[in-house]
Amino acid sequence: MPTTLTIGEFRSRISEALALVQKGESVIVTNGRNKRPVAIFAPPLVRRPRKLGRLAGKAHVTIEPNWEMTDEELCGS
């Protein structure tokens, strides 16, 4: 569950808030009487490398250094 702090609380406890983010938690910063969220601090998304699928390691493409293609050929016109 994310931790919610007002702007003033966040300013005075920024190192504590960032420590929570480092641990994997989210911190929501709110503003005003209605405590409207103005920022969310969360750990970055970790993306795993994508696999090539069934053809991984089974196909090889070589492009010759003198290979040329016009814009019309590329666009199919």
N, C-alpha and C. Protein backbone atom coordinates (compact mmCIF):
# COMPACT_ATOMS: atom_id res chain seq x y z
N MET A 1 0.86 -1.17 0.00
CA MET A 1 0.00 0.00 0.00
C MET A 1 0.90 1.24 0.00
N PRO A 2 0.62 2.19 -0.89
CA PRO A 2 1.48 3.37 -0.97
C PRO A 2 1.36 4.28 0.25
N THR A 3 2.44 4.98 0.53
CA THR A 3 2.47 5.97 1.60
C THR A 3 2.04 7.31 1.01
N THR A 4 1.17 8.05 1.71
CA THR A 4 0.70 9.35 1.23
C THR A 4 1.25 10.44 2.13
N LEU A 5 1.86 11.47 1.52
CA LEU A 5 2.43 12.60 2.25
C LEU A 5 1.97 13.89 1.59
N THR A 6 1.75 14.94 2.41
CA THR A 6 1.49 16.26 1.84
C THR A 6 2.83 16.82 1.34
N ILE A 7 2.76 17.91 0.58
CA ILE A 7 3.99 18.51 0.07
C ILE A 7 4.93 18.90 1.21
N GLY A 8 4.38 19.50 2.27
CA GLY A 8 5.21 19.89 3.42
C GLY A 8 5.86 18.70 4.10
N GLU A 9 5.09 17.62 4.28
CA GLU A 9 5.65 16.41 4.89
C GLU A 9 6.74 15.82 4.00
N PHE A 10 6.48 15.84 2.69
CA PHE A 10 7.46 15.28 1.76
C PHE A 10 8.76 16.07 1.81
N ARG A 11 8.65 17.40 1.85
CA ARG A 11 9.85 18.23 1.90
C ARG A 11 10.67 17.97 3.16
N SER A 12 10.01 17.76 4.29
CA SER A 12 10.74 17.54 5.54
C SER A 12 11.21 16.09 5.71
N ARG A 13 10.60 15.15 4.97
CA ARG A 13 10.96 13.74 5.13
C ARG A 13 11.40 13.11 3.81
N ILE A 14 12.03 13.90 2.96
CA ILE A 14 12.37 13.41 1.62
C ILE A 14 13.29 12.19 1.65
N SER A 15 14.28 12.17 2.54
CA SER A 15 15.17 11.01 2.58
C SER A 15 14.43 9.76 3.03
N GLU A 16 13.49 9.90 3.95
CA GLU A 16 12.69 8.74 4.38
C GLU A 16 11.80 8.26 3.24
N ALA A 17 11.21 9.21 2.51
CA ALA A 17 10.34 8.84 1.37
C ALA A 17 11.13 8.12 0.29
N LEU A 18 12.32 8.61 -0.02
CA LEU A 18 13.14 7.96 -1.04
C LEU A 18 13.64 6.60 -0.57
N ALA A 19 13.85 6.43 0.73
CA ALA A 19 14.23 5.12 1.25
C ALA A 19 13.09 4.12 1.04
N LEU A 20 11.85 4.58 1.22
CA LEU A 20 10.70 3.71 0.96
C LEU A 20 10.64 3.29 -0.50
N VAL A 21 10.92 4.25 -1.40
CA VAL A 21 10.90 3.95 -2.83
C VAL A 21 12.00 2.94 -3.16
N GLN A 22 13.17 3.09 -2.55
CA GLN A 22 14.25 2.13 -2.78
C GLN A 22 13.88 0.73 -2.32
N LYS A 23 13.02 0.64 -1.32
CA LYS A 23 12.57 -0.66 -0.82
C LYS A 23 11.46 -1.26 -1.68
N GLY A 24 10.99 -0.49 -2.70
CA GLY A 24 9.96 -1.02 -3.60
C GLY A 24 8.58 -0.46 -3.37
N GLU A 25 8.41 0.46 -2.43
CA GLU A 25 7.10 1.03 -2.15
C GLU A 25 6.89 2.31 -2.97
N SER A 26 5.63 2.74 -3.08
CA SER A 26 5.30 3.99 -3.76
C SER A 26 4.97 5.05 -2.73
N VAL A 27 5.27 6.31 -3.08
CA VAL A 27 4.96 7.44 -2.22
C VAL A 27 4.13 8.42 -3.05
N ILE A 28 2.95 8.78 -2.54
CA ILE A 28 2.07 9.73 -3.22
C ILE A 28 2.16 11.06 -2.49
N VAL A 29 2.42 12.14 -3.24
CA VAL A 29 2.50 13.47 -2.67
C VAL A 29 1.22 14.21 -3.01
N THR A 30 0.56 14.79 -1.98
CA THR A 30 -0.72 15.46 -2.17
C THR A 30 -0.60 16.95 -1.88
N ASN A 31 -1.63 17.70 -2.35
CA ASN A 31 -1.62 19.15 -2.17
C ASN A 31 -3.03 19.63 -1.82
N GLY A 32 -3.11 20.66 -0.99
CA GLY A 32 -4.37 21.33 -0.69
C GLY A 32 -5.24 20.61 0.32
N ARG A 33 -6.38 21.26 0.60
CA ARG A 33 -7.33 20.69 1.56
C ARG A 33 -7.93 19.38 1.08
N ASN A 34 -8.13 19.28 -0.22
CA ASN A 34 -8.71 18.05 -0.77
C ASN A 34 -7.69 16.93 -0.91
N LYS A 35 -6.44 17.26 -0.59
CA LYS A 35 -5.34 16.29 -0.69
C LYS A 35 -5.31 15.63 -2.07
N ARG A 36 -5.33 16.50 -3.09
CA ARG A 36 -5.28 16.05 -4.48
C ARG A 36 -3.86 15.56 -4.80
N PRO A 37 -3.72 14.35 -5.33
CA PRO A 37 -2.39 13.84 -5.68
C PRO A 37 -1.73 14.70 -6.76
N VAL A 38 -0.49 15.09 -6.53
CA VAL A 38 0.24 15.88 -7.51
C VAL A 38 1.48 15.15 -8.02
N ALA A 39 1.93 14.11 -7.33
CA ALA A 39 3.09 13.34 -7.78
C ALA A 39 3.06 11.95 -7.16
N ILE A 40 3.63 11.02 -7.89
CA ILE A 40 3.78 9.66 -7.39
C ILE A 40 5.24 9.27 -7.61
N PHE A 41 5.89 8.87 -6.55
CA PHE A 41 7.27 8.39 -6.63
C PHE A 41 7.22 6.88 -6.46
N ALA A 42 7.77 6.16 -7.44
CA ALA A 42 7.74 4.71 -7.42
C ALA A 42 9.05 4.18 -7.99
N PRO A 43 9.40 2.94 -7.65
CA PRO A 43 10.62 2.36 -8.21
C PRO A 43 10.48 2.23 -9.73
N PRO A 44 11.59 2.30 -10.46
CA PRO A 44 11.51 2.15 -11.92
C PRO A 44 11.08 0.75 -12.31
N LEU A 45 10.42 0.66 -13.46
CA LEU A 45 10.02 -0.65 -13.97
C LEU A 45 11.26 -1.40 -14.44
N VAL A 46 11.29 -2.68 -14.16
CA VAL A 46 12.40 -3.51 -14.60
C VAL A 46 11.90 -4.33 -15.79
N ARG A 47 12.53 -4.12 -16.91
CA ARG A 47 12.13 -4.85 -18.11
C ARG A 47 13.12 -5.99 -18.36
N ARG A 48 12.55 -7.16 -18.61
CA ARG A 48 13.38 -8.31 -18.94
C ARG A 48 13.67 -8.31 -20.44
N PRO A 49 14.83 -8.78 -20.85
CA PRO A 49 15.11 -8.85 -22.28
C PRO A 49 14.14 -9.80 -22.97
N ARG A 50 13.73 -9.40 -24.18
CA ARG A 50 12.79 -10.23 -24.92
C ARG A 50 13.52 -11.36 -25.65
N LYS A 51 12.89 -12.52 -25.71
CA LYS A 51 13.42 -13.64 -26.45
C LYS A 51 12.94 -13.53 -27.90
N LEU A 52 13.70 -14.07 -28.81
CA LEU A 52 13.32 -14.02 -30.22
C LEU A 52 12.22 -14.99 -30.59
N GLY A 53 11.95 -15.95 -29.76
CA GLY A 53 10.88 -16.90 -30.06
C GLY A 53 11.42 -18.19 -30.63
N ARG A 54 10.61 -18.82 -31.46
CA ARG A 54 10.95 -20.15 -31.98
C ARG A 54 12.17 -20.14 -32.89
N LEU A 55 12.43 -19.03 -33.56
CA LEU A 55 13.55 -18.99 -34.49
C LEU A 55 14.86 -18.53 -33.85
N ALA A 56 14.87 -18.36 -32.54
CA ALA A 56 16.09 -17.89 -31.87
C ALA A 56 17.24 -18.86 -32.15
N GLY A 57 18.31 -18.33 -32.74
CA GLY A 57 19.48 -19.14 -33.02
C GLY A 57 19.37 -20.01 -34.26
N LYS A 58 18.23 -19.98 -34.98
CA LYS A 58 18.04 -20.84 -36.14
C LYS A 58 18.15 -20.09 -37.46
N ALA A 59 18.17 -18.77 -37.41
CA ALA A 59 18.23 -17.99 -38.64
C ALA A 59 19.39 -17.01 -38.56
N HIS A 60 19.94 -16.69 -39.73
CA HIS A 60 21.05 -15.74 -39.79
C HIS A 60 20.87 -14.89 -41.04
N VAL A 61 20.96 -13.58 -40.89
CA VAL A 61 20.81 -12.67 -42.02
C VAL A 61 22.10 -11.88 -42.16
N THR A 62 22.61 -11.83 -43.39
CA THR A 62 23.81 -11.05 -43.68
C THR A 62 23.47 -10.06 -44.77
N ILE A 63 23.80 -8.80 -44.55
CA ILE A 63 23.58 -7.75 -45.56
C ILE A 63 24.94 -7.36 -46.10
N GLU A 64 25.08 -7.47 -47.40
CA GLU A 64 26.34 -7.15 -48.05
C GLU A 64 26.62 -5.65 -47.96
N PRO A 65 27.89 -5.25 -47.86
CA PRO A 65 28.22 -3.84 -47.73
C PRO A 65 27.85 -3.00 -48.95
N ASN A 66 27.77 -3.60 -50.13
CA ASN A 66 27.43 -2.84 -51.33
C ASN A 66 25.93 -2.90 -51.67
N TRP A 67 25.11 -3.36 -50.75
CA TRP A 67 23.67 -3.49 -50.97
C TRP A 67 23.03 -2.11 -50.96
N GLU A 68 22.15 -1.84 -51.91
CA GLU A 68 21.46 -0.55 -52.00
C GLU A 68 19.99 -0.78 -52.27
N MET A 69 19.17 0.17 -51.81
CA MET A 69 17.73 0.14 -52.07
C MET A 69 17.25 1.57 -52.17
N THR A 70 16.44 1.84 -53.17
CA THR A 70 15.90 3.19 -53.33
C THR A 70 14.70 3.37 -52.41
N ASP A 71 14.29 4.63 -52.19
CA ASP A 71 13.12 4.90 -51.37
C ASP A 71 11.87 4.27 -51.98
N GLU A 72 11.77 4.26 -53.30
CA GLU A 72 10.60 3.68 -53.98
C GLU A 72 10.53 2.16 -53.76
N GLU A 73 11.69 1.50 -53.80
CA GLU A 73 11.72 0.07 -53.55
C GLU A 73 11.36 -0.25 -52.10
N LEU A 74 11.84 0.59 -51.19
CA LEU A 74 11.54 0.39 -49.77
C LEU A 74 10.06 0.56 -49.48
N CYS A 75 9.46 1.57 -50.10
CA CYS A 75 8.04 1.86 -49.85
C CYS A 75 7.10 1.00 -50.69
N GLY A 76 7.64 0.25 -51.65
CA GLY A 76 6.81 -0.61 -52.45
C GLY A 76 6.07 0.09 -53.57
N SER A 77 6.54 1.29 -53.98
CA SER A 77 5.87 2.00 -55.07
C SER A 77 6.49 1.71 -56.39
